[in-house]
């Protein structure tokens, strides 16, 4: 299975405990990764940036919640508004590994770690170094902060994946809470290279 298909696959049912926004956000990421891991049969490594990232530059056209709704019509106005407001700050990520299946190993990398690996003379050599350090990895995942609607029954975040010089993608992930937990409402591809 290629790296893009692994990340872009079906999200399935997600559950989330509402202890606090920070814990809820990290738990949401863990549940997302657990669901994706259900689609693979071989152990994989997931390299996650240790802080949330600002909304990617590709989202610079998102000035209002209406702009996000134009990109994805199912996202509610309050979800889009909060995604914009929380997207301008960065928070630490600490994915609770106890919630992950054993076939999935998560490594948190700092911006300095990424810079050290990618300061090589060529992008090709940098990615070769990355995959030597993180064999069986699907690449580097970067999560934005999560925006929730007013009723706390819809959540959205942007996931960016870098997996090589011309290998990467971005997704706007929207989830809906029901009586049985969180379910994927939609994962819209924003870009792919």
Protein backbone atom coordinates (compact mmCIF):
# COMPACT_ATOMS: atom_id res chain seq x y z
CA UNK A 1 0.00 0.00 0.00
CA UNK A 2 1.49 3.34 -0.90
CA UNK A 3 1.87 6.15 1.62
CA UNK A 4 -0.85 8.37 0.11
CA UNK A 5 -3.49 5.62 0.20
CA UNK A 6 -2.61 4.80 3.80
CA UNK A 7 -3.38 8.34 4.96
CA UNK A 8 -6.21 9.12 2.57
CA UNK A 9 -8.22 5.98 3.34
CA UNK A 10 -11.53 5.64 5.13
CA UNK A 11 -11.55 7.12 8.61
CA UNK A 12 -14.36 5.04 10.15
CA UNK A 13 -15.82 5.45 13.61
CA UNK A 14 -13.92 7.59 16.11
CA UNK A 15 -14.50 8.09 19.80
CA UNK A 16 -13.36 10.99 21.93
CA UNK A 17 -13.27 11.69 25.65
CA UNK A 18 -13.95 15.32 26.56
CA UNK A 19 -11.60 15.89 29.49
CA UNK A 20 -10.11 19.11 28.10
CA UNK A 21 -9.43 20.61 24.70
CA UNK A 22 -5.74 19.58 24.76
CA UNK A 23 -6.48 16.01 25.79
CA UNK A 24 -9.48 15.87 23.45
CA UNK A 25 -7.37 17.05 20.52
CA UNK A 26 -4.57 14.55 21.20
CA UNK A 27 -7.10 11.78 21.73
CA UNK A 28 -8.82 12.72 18.49
CA UNK A 29 -5.49 12.38 16.63
CA UNK A 30 -4.85 8.99 18.30
CA UNK A 31 -8.29 7.72 17.33
CA UNK A 32 -7.79 8.95 13.77
CA UNK A 33 -4.44 7.12 13.53
CA UNK A 34 -5.94 3.97 15.08
CA UNK A 35 -8.67 3.86 12.48
CA UNK A 36 -6.18 4.27 9.65
CA UNK A 37 -3.98 1.57 11.19
CA UNK A 38 -6.91 -0.82 10.87
CA UNK A 39 -6.40 -0.65 7.10
CA UNK A 40 -2.84 -2.00 7.13
CA UNK A 41 -1.48 -5.47 7.75
CA UNK A 42 2.22 -4.65 8.24
CA UNK A 43 3.67 -2.66 11.16
CA UNK A 44 4.16 1.00 10.29
CA UNK A 45 5.92 3.95 11.85
CA UNK A 46 4.15 7.30 12.00
CA UNK A 47 6.31 10.37 12.39
CA UNK A 48 4.29 13.26 13.80
CA UNK A 49 5.45 16.84 14.26
CA UNK A 50 5.51 17.45 18.01
CA UNK A 51 3.41 20.62 17.76
CA UNK A 52 0.35 21.48 15.76
CA UNK A 53 1.09 23.53 12.70
CA UNK A 54 -0.49 26.73 11.55
CA UNK A 55 -2.96 26.30 8.75
CA UNK A 56 -0.77 25.58 5.71
CA UNK A 57 0.13 28.36 3.29
CA UNK A 58 -2.09 26.64 0.76
CA UNK A 59 -5.02 27.70 2.97
CA UNK A 60 -4.12 31.39 2.78
CA UNK A 61 -7.30 32.01 0.80
CA UNK A 62 -9.31 30.97 3.88
CA UNK A 63 -10.06 34.38 5.36
CA UNK A 64 -13.60 33.67 6.66
CA UNK A 65 -15.65 30.64 7.65
CA UNK A 66 -17.53 31.02 4.35
CA UNK A 67 -14.25 30.40 2.48
CA UNK A 68 -13.84 27.07 4.27
CA UNK A 69 -17.48 26.20 3.65
CA UNK A 70 -16.91 26.86 -0.06
CA UNK A 71 -14.15 24.22 0.07
CA UNK A 72 -16.34 21.80 2.04
CA UNK A 73 -20.08 22.40 2.19
CA UNK A 74 -20.76 20.05 5.14
CA UNK A 75 -18.59 21.99 7.56
CA UNK A 76 -20.72 24.13 9.86
CA UNK A 77 -20.11 27.86 10.23
CA UNK A 78 -19.08 27.59 13.91
CA UNK A 79 -16.69 24.69 13.15
CA UNK A 80 -15.07 26.66 10.31
CA UNK A 81 -14.85 29.81 12.46
CA UNK A 82 -13.11 27.97 15.27
CA UNK A 83 -10.77 26.18 12.86
CA UNK A 84 -9.68 29.61 11.59
CA UNK A 85 -9.23 31.03 15.09
CA UNK A 86 -7.29 28.07 16.51
CA UNK A 87 -5.29 27.72 13.29
CA UNK A 88 -3.15 30.75 14.10
CA UNK A 89 -1.49 29.22 17.18
CA UNK A 90 0.66 26.16 17.75
CA UNK A 91 0.17 23.67 20.59
CA UNK A 92 2.22 20.67 21.71
CA UNK A 93 0.98 17.27 20.58
CA UNK A 94 1.28 14.25 22.82
CA UNK A 95 -0.56 11.37 21.21
CA UNK A 96 -1.56 8.83 23.88
CA UNK A 97 0.18 5.71 22.60
CA UNK A 98 -1.88 3.43 24.88
CA UNK A 99 -4.80 4.13 22.56
CA UNK A 100 -2.88 2.96 19.47
CA UNK A 101 -2.66 -0.58 18.06
CA UNK A 102 0.68 -2.33 18.55
CA UNK A 103 1.35 -2.40 14.81
CA UNK A 104 1.61 1.39 14.82
CA UNK A 105 4.65 3.14 16.30
CA UNK A 106 4.45 6.91 16.73
CA UNK A 107 7.54 9.11 16.82
CA UNK A 108 7.24 12.80 17.69
CA UNK A 109 9.78 15.00 15.93
CA UNK A 110 10.56 18.62 16.63
CA UNK A 111 11.15 21.29 14.04
CA UNK A 112 14.87 21.03 14.87
CA UNK A 113 14.81 17.26 14.14
CA UNK A 114 13.23 17.90 10.76
CA UNK A 115 15.73 20.66 9.96
CA UNK A 116 18.66 18.39 10.92
CA UNK A 117 17.48 15.63 8.57
CA UNK A 118 16.59 17.93 5.70
CA UNK A 119 19.70 20.13 5.74
CA UNK A 120 21.36 17.65 3.37
CA UNK A 121 22.70 18.85 0.03
CA UNK A 122 19.81 17.35 -1.92
CA UNK A 123 16.18 16.62 -1.20
CA UNK A 124 16.64 13.03 -2.40
CA UNK A 125 19.46 12.41 0.09
CA UNK A 126 17.43 14.07 2.85
CA UNK A 127 14.49 11.72 2.31
CA UNK A 128 16.86 8.74 2.14
CA UNK A 129 18.23 9.82 5.55
CA UNK A 130 14.71 10.23 6.91
CA UNK A 131 13.71 6.70 5.89
CA UNK A 132 16.96 5.29 7.35
CA UNK A 133 16.07 6.90 10.67
CA UNK A 134 12.39 5.94 10.46
CA UNK A 135 12.11 2.68 8.48
CA UNK A 136 8.59 1.58 7.52
CA UNK A 137 7.43 5.15 7.97
CA UNK A 138 4.64 6.69 5.94
CA UNK A 139 6.35 10.09 6.09
CA UNK A 140 5.92 13.14 8.32
CA UNK A 141 2.39 13.97 9.47
CA UNK A 142 1.47 17.48 10.56
CA UNK A 143 -1.85 18.22 12.24
CA UNK A 144 -3.49 21.61 12.62
CA UNK A 145 -5.39 22.41 15.79
CA UNK A 146 -8.93 21.06 15.85
CA UNK A 147 -11.91 23.36 15.41
CA UNK A 148 -15.18 22.30 17.07
CA UNK A 149 -18.67 23.63 16.45
CA UNK A 150 -20.73 25.30 19.18
CA UNK A 151 -22.54 22.06 20.07
CA UNK A 152 -19.26 20.08 20.15
CA UNK A 153 -20.70 17.49 17.78
CA UNK A 154 -18.60 18.37 14.72
CA UNK A 155 -14.81 18.66 14.55
CA UNK A 156 -12.41 19.59 11.75
CA UNK A 157 -8.66 19.71 11.26
CA UNK A 158 -6.15 19.84 8.43
CA UNK A 159 -3.72 16.95 8.03
CA UNK A 160 -0.59 17.42 5.92
CA UNK A 161 1.60 14.50 4.88
CA UNK A 162 5.10 14.79 3.43
CA UNK A 163 6.55 11.52 2.16
CA UNK A 164 9.15 12.50 -0.46
CA UNK A 165 10.31 15.23 -2.81
CA UNK A 166 7.17 14.97 -4.93
CA UNK A 167 5.11 12.95 -2.47
CA UNK A 168 2.71 14.78 -0.23
CA UNK A 169 -0.91 15.56 0.40
CA UNK A 170 -3.26 17.61 2.52
CA UNK A 171 -6.73 16.76 3.78
CA UNK A 172 -9.52 18.66 5.49
CA UNK A 173 -10.92 16.08 7.89
CA UNK A 174 -14.46 16.65 9.20
CA UNK A 175 -15.92 14.37 11.86
CA UNK A 176 -19.40 14.12 13.38
CA UNK A 177 -20.35 12.96 16.87
CA UNK A 178 -23.33 10.63 17.20
CA UNK A 179 -24.73 8.38 19.91
CA UNK A 180 -22.19 5.71 18.93
CA UNK A 181 -19.15 8.03 18.97
CA UNK A 182 -17.30 10.03 16.35
CA UNK A 183 -17.64 9.15 12.69
CA UNK A 184 -15.96 10.47 9.60
CA UNK A 185 -18.25 12.87 7.86
CA UNK A 186 -15.78 13.63 5.10
CA UNK A 187 -12.08 13.79 4.32
CA UNK A 188 -11.58 16.17 1.44
CA UNK A 189 -8.31 16.20 -0.43
CA UNK A 190 -6.92 19.73 -0.51
CA UNK A 191 -3.74 19.07 -2.47
CA UNK A 192 -1.52 16.25 -3.68
CA UNK A 193 1.96 16.18 -5.17
